[in-house]
Amino acid sequence: MEGGFQEAMRRRARIVRAIRAFFDGRGFVEVTTPVMIAAPAPEPHIDCPPCGMKFLRASPELQMKKLLAAGMDKIYQIGPCFRDGEQGSRHNPEFTMLEWYRLDATYHNIEEDTKELLGCLLPFGQDVSAALPQQAPAITVSVREMYVKHAGWDPFLEWNQDRFDYDMATKIEPNLPSGFVFLMDYPCEAASLAKIHGDVAERWELYYNGLELANCFTELCDGEEQRRRFFAAREERRLLGESDYPIDEEFLETLPLVKSAAGVAVGIDRLVMALCGEDDIHAVMAGE
């Protein structure tokens, strides 16, 4: 990027200010939840670094849903998150996450929020990346059509976790259309915190040129079903040799109070990468 690292930091700061202005102007409340938590959501392949008797969060999701259960209806948070074993040009063990949640909403509502947000942010990148579109993206493709076309099988008919993950990395993401793309509607087995409708999990992921930027759910609000999924995920982690996490009983007990909601997690560092035309996440992050 012309102007180097200092300009990247200035641009990042402007983008974060614009994100806050976007949500503040739409009646969202910015919240701050603990970075150290006792009971992370158990998900295979996502490991939270231990910190004393607790863990550094991989996401503020459970804590933000507790705020929804307490009566807040439109909330967002920008803050640090952590994942063990993630390092490379697109990963860093510590990163910044934007998450927002809305009561009485679905993943389609959050999709519209995201398009509007991108429309506000695109001008921050167009002077450094001619490839960025001039307006918010509207490209949507389904998981099923991408797997049938590029991987030669339908994961909704013959689920295989290892094959699904391998093909996602080697056949689906490299063949996504260029620009911003919503990859929509996942198999039920690939959405531990999402609402299920028929044989579809109400989940989408946002990509830019094959780089994953965001993950969205219509939230599962059934405490007993969420408990079952948590225990299934803990068993899968055990079989993979991954560490175990306690169950957040407060989250499960209050979850039914939410009734209906949707939310999304967006990697700020990757979003800034996309807007700044960078190929390495460390180009837009301050070092130690």
Protein backbone atom coordinates (compact mmCIF):
# COMPACT_ATOMS: atom_id res chain seq x y z
CA MET A 1 0.00 0.00 0.00
CA GLU A 2 1.30 3.44 -0.94
CA GLY A 3 2.18 5.35 2.21
CA GLY A 4 3.19 2.19 4.06
CA PHE A 5 2.38 0.97 7.52
CA GLN A 6 1.55 4.35 9.05
CA GLU A 7 -1.10 4.98 6.39
CA ALA A 8 -2.52 1.49 7.00
CA MET A 9 -2.94 2.31 10.70
CA ARG A 10 -4.61 5.63 9.90
CA ARG A 11 -6.93 3.97 7.40
CA ARG A 12 -7.79 1.25 9.90
CA ALA A 13 -8.68 3.87 12.51
CA ARG A 14 -10.96 5.66 10.04
CA ILE A 15 -12.68 2.39 9.15
CA VAL A 16 -13.31 1.52 12.81
CA ARG A 17 -14.70 5.01 13.46
CA ALA A 18 -17.00 4.61 10.46
CA ILE A 19 -18.21 1.24 11.78
CA ARG A 20 -19.08 2.79 15.14
CA ALA A 21 -20.85 5.69 13.44
CA PHE A 22 -22.85 3.23 11.32
CA PHE A 23 -24.20 1.31 14.32
CA ASP A 24 -24.61 4.31 16.60
CA GLY A 25 -26.65 6.01 13.89
CA ARG A 26 -28.99 3.01 13.65
CA GLY A 27 -29.85 2.77 17.33
CA PHE A 28 -27.43 0.01 18.33
CA VAL A 29 -25.79 0.13 21.75
CA GLU A 30 -22.06 -0.55 21.94
CA VAL A 31 -21.30 -3.07 24.69
CA THR A 32 -18.19 -4.50 26.31
CA THR A 33 -18.14 -8.04 27.66
CA PRO A 34 -15.32 -9.91 29.47
CA VAL A 35 -12.29 -11.06 27.51
CA MET A 36 -11.55 -13.77 30.10
CA ILE A 37 -14.42 -16.26 30.29
CA ALA A 38 -14.99 -19.47 32.24
CA ALA A 39 -16.89 -21.47 29.61
CA PRO A 40 -16.22 -20.92 25.89
CA ALA A 41 -18.62 -22.40 23.35
CA PRO A 42 -17.26 -25.87 22.50
CA GLU A 43 -16.51 -25.96 18.78
CA PRO A 44 -14.17 -28.42 17.06
CA HIS A 45 -10.96 -26.83 15.77
CA ILE A 46 -11.44 -23.57 17.70
CA ASP A 47 -9.17 -23.49 20.75
CA CYS A 48 -9.23 -20.69 23.34
CA PRO A 49 -5.91 -19.95 25.08
CA PRO A 50 -6.04 -20.74 28.81
CA CYS A 51 -5.62 -17.75 31.14
CA GLY A 52 -5.32 -18.75 34.77
CA MET A 53 -8.51 -20.61 35.70
CA LYS A 54 -10.33 -19.14 32.70
CA PHE A 55 -9.87 -18.79 28.94
CA LEU A 56 -9.32 -15.92 26.55
CA ARG A 57 -12.44 -15.72 24.42
CA ALA A 58 -12.58 -16.78 20.78
CA SER A 59 -15.77 -14.72 20.47
CA PRO A 60 -18.04 -12.65 22.75
CA GLU A 61 -21.09 -14.47 21.35
CA LEU A 62 -22.43 -16.19 24.47
CA GLN A 63 -21.96 -13.10 26.63
CA MET A 64 -23.71 -10.88 24.09
CA LYS A 65 -26.65 -13.27 23.86
CA LYS A 66 -26.98 -13.04 27.63
CA LEU A 67 -27.46 -9.28 27.13
CA LEU A 68 -30.23 -10.03 24.62
CA ALA A 69 -31.85 -12.27 27.23
CA ALA A 70 -31.61 -9.38 29.70
CA GLY A 71 -33.71 -7.22 27.40
CA MET A 72 -31.27 -5.41 25.09
CA ASP A 73 -32.45 -5.55 21.49
CA LYS A 74 -29.72 -4.09 19.20
CA ILE A 75 -26.11 -4.39 20.36
CA TYR A 76 -22.63 -4.42 18.88
CA GLN A 77 -19.09 -4.89 20.13
CA ILE A 78 -15.60 -4.34 18.73
CA GLY A 79 -12.85 -6.03 20.70
CA PRO A 80 -9.98 -8.51 20.94
CA CYS A 81 -10.46 -12.25 20.49
CA PHE A 82 -7.98 -15.11 20.62
CA ARG A 83 -7.47 -18.53 19.04
CA ASP A 84 -4.63 -20.94 19.70
CA GLY A 85 -2.68 -22.33 16.76
CA GLU A 86 -3.82 -19.79 14.16
CA GLN A 87 -0.90 -18.06 12.46
CA GLY A 88 -0.23 -17.06 8.85
CA SER A 89 -0.91 -14.43 6.24
CA ARG A 90 -4.67 -14.60 7.00
CA HIS A 91 -4.54 -15.53 10.69
CA ASN A 92 -3.17 -14.19 13.94
CA PRO A 93 -3.64 -15.70 17.42
CA GLU A 94 -4.99 -12.33 18.63
CA PHE A 95 -7.38 -10.46 16.37
CA THR A 96 -10.19 -7.91 16.47
CA MET A 97 -13.81 -8.96 16.07
CA LEU A 98 -16.93 -6.95 15.31
CA GLU A 99 -20.14 -8.68 16.38
CA TRP A 100 -23.69 -7.39 16.33
CA TYR A 101 -27.02 -8.94 17.31
CA ARG A 102 -30.66 -8.02 16.84
CA LEU A 103 -33.77 -9.37 18.52
CA ASP A 104 -36.67 -10.46 16.28
CA ALA A 105 -34.37 -10.77 13.27
CA THR A 106 -33.12 -13.45 10.88
CA TYR A 107 -29.94 -13.99 8.95
CA HIS A 108 -31.58 -12.19 6.04
CA ASN A 109 -31.93 -9.03 8.16
CA ILE A 110 -28.27 -9.26 9.14
CA GLU A 111 -27.36 -9.74 5.48
CA GLU A 112 -29.06 -6.43 4.70
CA ASP A 113 -27.25 -4.76 7.63
CA THR A 114 -23.97 -6.08 6.24
CA LYS A 115 -24.62 -4.79 2.73
CA GLU A 116 -25.43 -1.35 4.12
CA LEU A 117 -22.30 -1.39 6.29
CA LEU A 118 -20.10 -2.37 3.35
CA GLY A 119 -21.68 0.39 1.30
CA CYS A 120 -20.54 2.87 3.95
CA LEU A 121 -17.02 1.41 4.14
CA LEU A 122 -16.19 0.85 0.47
CA PRO A 123 -15.10 4.47 -0.13
CA PHE A 124 -12.28 3.96 2.41
CA GLY A 125 -10.69 1.39 0.11
CA GLN A 126 -11.43 2.50 -3.42
CA ASP A 127 -8.40 4.79 -3.67
CA VAL A 128 -6.05 1.87 -2.93
CA SER A 129 -7.89 -1.03 -4.58
CA ALA A 130 -9.44 -0.57 -8.01
CA ALA A 131 -10.93 -4.05 -7.69
CA LEU A 132 -13.44 -2.96 -5.03
CA PRO A 133 -17.02 -2.54 -6.29
CA GLN A 134 -18.57 0.90 -6.39
CA GLN A 135 -21.54 -0.17 -4.28
CA ALA A 136 -22.47 -2.81 -1.74
CA PRO A 137 -22.39 -6.36 -3.10
CA ALA A 138 -25.45 -8.46 -3.81
CA ILE A 139 -23.86 -11.72 -4.98
CA THR A 140 -25.32 -14.72 -3.14
CA VAL A 141 -24.56 -18.38 -3.81
CA SER A 142 -25.78 -21.45 -1.93
CA VAL A 143 -23.58 -24.02 -0.23
CA ARG A 144 -25.46 -26.81 -2.00
CA GLU A 145 -24.98 -25.43 -5.52
CA MET A 146 -21.27 -24.78 -4.92
CA TYR A 147 -20.61 -28.31 -3.63
CA VAL A 148 -22.57 -30.01 -6.39
CA LYS A 149 -20.87 -27.90 -9.06
CA HIS A 150 -17.28 -27.79 -7.78
CA ALA A 151 -16.93 -30.75 -5.40
CA GLY A 152 -19.21 -33.25 -7.15
CA TRP A 153 -21.37 -34.18 -4.17
CA ASP A 154 -24.28 -32.88 -2.11
CA PRO A 155 -23.40 -32.59 1.63
CA PHE A 156 -27.11 -32.30 2.45
CA LEU A 157 -27.64 -35.88 1.20
CA GLU A 158 -24.42 -37.56 2.38
CA TRP A 159 -22.80 -35.69 5.24
CA ASN A 160 -19.06 -36.16 5.80
CA GLN A 161 -17.38 -33.60 8.07
CA ASP A 162 -13.80 -34.22 6.95
CA ARG A 163 -14.72 -34.17 3.27
CA PHE A 164 -16.85 -31.05 3.75
CA ASP A 165 -14.01 -29.15 5.45
CA TYR A 166 -11.39 -30.30 2.94
CA ASP A 167 -13.53 -29.43 -0.06
CA MET A 168 -14.45 -26.06 1.44
CA ALA A 169 -10.76 -25.10 1.55
CA THR A 170 -9.66 -26.67 -1.72
CA LYS A 171 -12.68 -26.56 -4.03
CA ILE A 172 -15.33 -24.14 -2.77
CA GLU A 173 -13.48 -21.06 -1.52
CA PRO A 174 -11.09 -20.97 -4.54
CA ASN A 175 -14.08 -21.11 -6.90
CA LEU A 176 -16.27 -18.45 -5.31
CA PRO A 177 -17.08 -15.51 -7.58
CA SER A 178 -14.70 -12.57 -7.27
CA GLY A 179 -15.58 -9.65 -5.04
CA PHE A 180 -17.91 -9.84 -2.03
CA VAL A 181 -19.99 -13.04 -1.89
CA PHE A 182 -22.53 -14.39 0.60
CA LEU A 183 -22.24 -18.18 0.85
CA MET A 184 -25.73 -19.07 2.08
CA ASP A 185 -27.55 -21.98 3.77
CA TYR A 186 -25.40 -24.69 5.35
CA PRO A 187 -26.11 -28.33 6.19
CA CYS A 188 -27.53 -28.76 9.69
CA GLU A 189 -24.34 -30.51 10.83
CA ALA A 190 -22.27 -27.40 10.01
CA ALA A 191 -23.96 -24.89 12.30
CA SER A 192 -23.66 -25.54 16.02
CA LEU A 193 -25.35 -22.29 17.10
CA ALA A 194 -27.78 -21.72 14.22
CA LYS A 195 -31.51 -22.21 13.84
CA ILE A 196 -32.52 -25.12 11.60
CA HIS A 197 -35.28 -24.75 9.00
CA GLY A 198 -36.09 -28.04 7.30
CA ASP A 199 -32.73 -29.50 6.28
CA VAL A 200 -31.00 -26.08 6.18
CA ALA A 201 -29.08 -24.25 8.88
CA GLU A 202 -29.84 -20.53 8.64
CA ARG A 203 -26.20 -19.52 8.30
CA TRP A 204 -24.14 -17.54 5.82
CA GLU A 205 -20.52 -16.58 5.49
CA LEU A 206 -19.22 -13.48 3.72
CA TYR A 207 -16.15 -13.73 1.50
CA TYR A 208 -14.05 -11.28 -0.46
CA ASN A 209 -12.01 -12.89 -3.25
CA GLY A 210 -12.06 -16.17 -1.35
CA LEU A 211 -11.11 -14.61 2.00
CA GLU A 212 -13.66 -15.33 4.74
CA LEU A 213 -14.73 -12.13 6.47
CA ALA A 214 -17.90 -12.93 8.45
CA ASN A 215 -20.07 -15.71 9.85
CA CYS A 216 -23.79 -15.18 10.51
CA PHE A 217 -26.61 -17.19 12.10
CA THR A 218 -30.27 -16.94 12.75
CA GLU A 219 -29.67 -17.86 16.36
CA LEU A 220 -30.77 -21.09 17.94
CA CYS A 221 -32.88 -20.08 20.95
CA ASP A 222 -33.81 -23.53 22.27
CA GLY A 223 -31.81 -24.17 25.45
CA GLU A 224 -32.22 -27.95 25.44
CA GLU A 225 -31.29 -28.31 21.78
CA GLN A 226 -28.28 -26.05 22.35
CA ARG A 227 -27.24 -28.22 25.29
CA ARG A 228 -27.41 -31.31 23.08
CA ARG A 229 -25.26 -29.66 20.44
CA PHE A 230 -22.74 -28.48 23.04
CA PHE A 231 -22.34 -32.00 24.38
CA ALA A 232 -21.99 -33.38 20.85
CA ALA A 233 -19.29 -30.79 20.15
CA ARG A 234 -17.50 -31.66 23.39
CA GLU A 235 -17.47 -35.32 22.39
CA GLU A 236 -16.07 -34.44 18.98
CA ARG A 237 -13.37 -32.35 20.62
CA ARG A 238 -12.52 -35.30 22.88
CA LEU A 239 -12.18 -37.63 19.89
CA LEU A 240 -9.92 -35.08 18.19
CA GLY A 241 -7.73 -34.83 21.29
CA GLU A 242 -8.70 -31.22 21.93
CA SER A 243 -9.17 -29.69 25.38
CA ASP A 244 -12.54 -29.77 27.10
CA TYR A 245 -14.49 -26.69 28.22
CA PRO A 246 -17.12 -26.35 30.96
CA ILE A 247 -20.72 -25.77 29.89
CA ASP A 248 -22.03 -22.24 30.39
CA GLU A 249 -25.17 -23.10 32.33
CA GLU A 250 -26.24 -19.48 32.70
CA PHE A 251 -26.22 -19.11 28.93
CA LEU A 252 -28.33 -22.23 28.43
CA GLU A 253 -30.82 -21.21 31.13
CA THR A 254 -31.34 -17.69 29.77
CA LEU A 255 -31.23 -18.56 26.04
CA PRO A 256 -35.01 -19.27 25.77
CA LEU A 257 -35.69 -15.70 26.96
CA VAL A 258 -34.25 -14.46 23.66
CA LYS A 259 -37.03 -16.18 21.64
CA SER A 260 -35.71 -15.01 18.25
CA ALA A 261 -32.56 -13.19 17.17
CA ALA A 262 -29.77 -13.10 14.62
CA GLY A 263 -26.16 -12.03 14.74
CA VAL A 264 -22.86 -11.98 12.92
CA ALA A 265 -19.13 -11.97 13.65
CA VAL A 266 -16.86 -9.98 11.33
CA GLY A 267 -13.07 -10.11 11.40
CA ILE A 268 -12.02 -6.45 11.49
CA ASP A 269 -8.43 -7.19 10.47
CA ARG A 270 -9.50 -9.15 7.41
CA LEU A 271 -12.08 -6.54 6.50
CA VAL A 272 -9.38 -3.86 6.62
CA MET A 273 -7.17 -6.14 4.51
CA ALA A 274 -9.86 -6.31 1.85
CA LEU A 275 -10.53 -2.58 1.89
CA CYS A 276 -6.82 -1.74 1.76
CA GLY A 277 -5.90 -4.25 -0.95
CA GLU A 278 -3.45 -6.12 1.31
CA ASP A 279 -2.56 -9.81 1.11
CA ASP A 280 -1.11 -10.18 4.62
CA ILE A 281 -3.11 -9.55 7.79
CA HIS A 282 -0.03 -8.27 9.58
CA ALA A 283 0.13 -5.31 7.19
CA VAL A 284 -2.95 -3.85 8.90
CA MET A 285 -2.22 -4.87 12.51
CA ALA A 286 0.08 -3.30 15.09
CA GLY A 287 2.81 -5.70 16.21
CA GLU A 288 3.94 -6.59 19.70
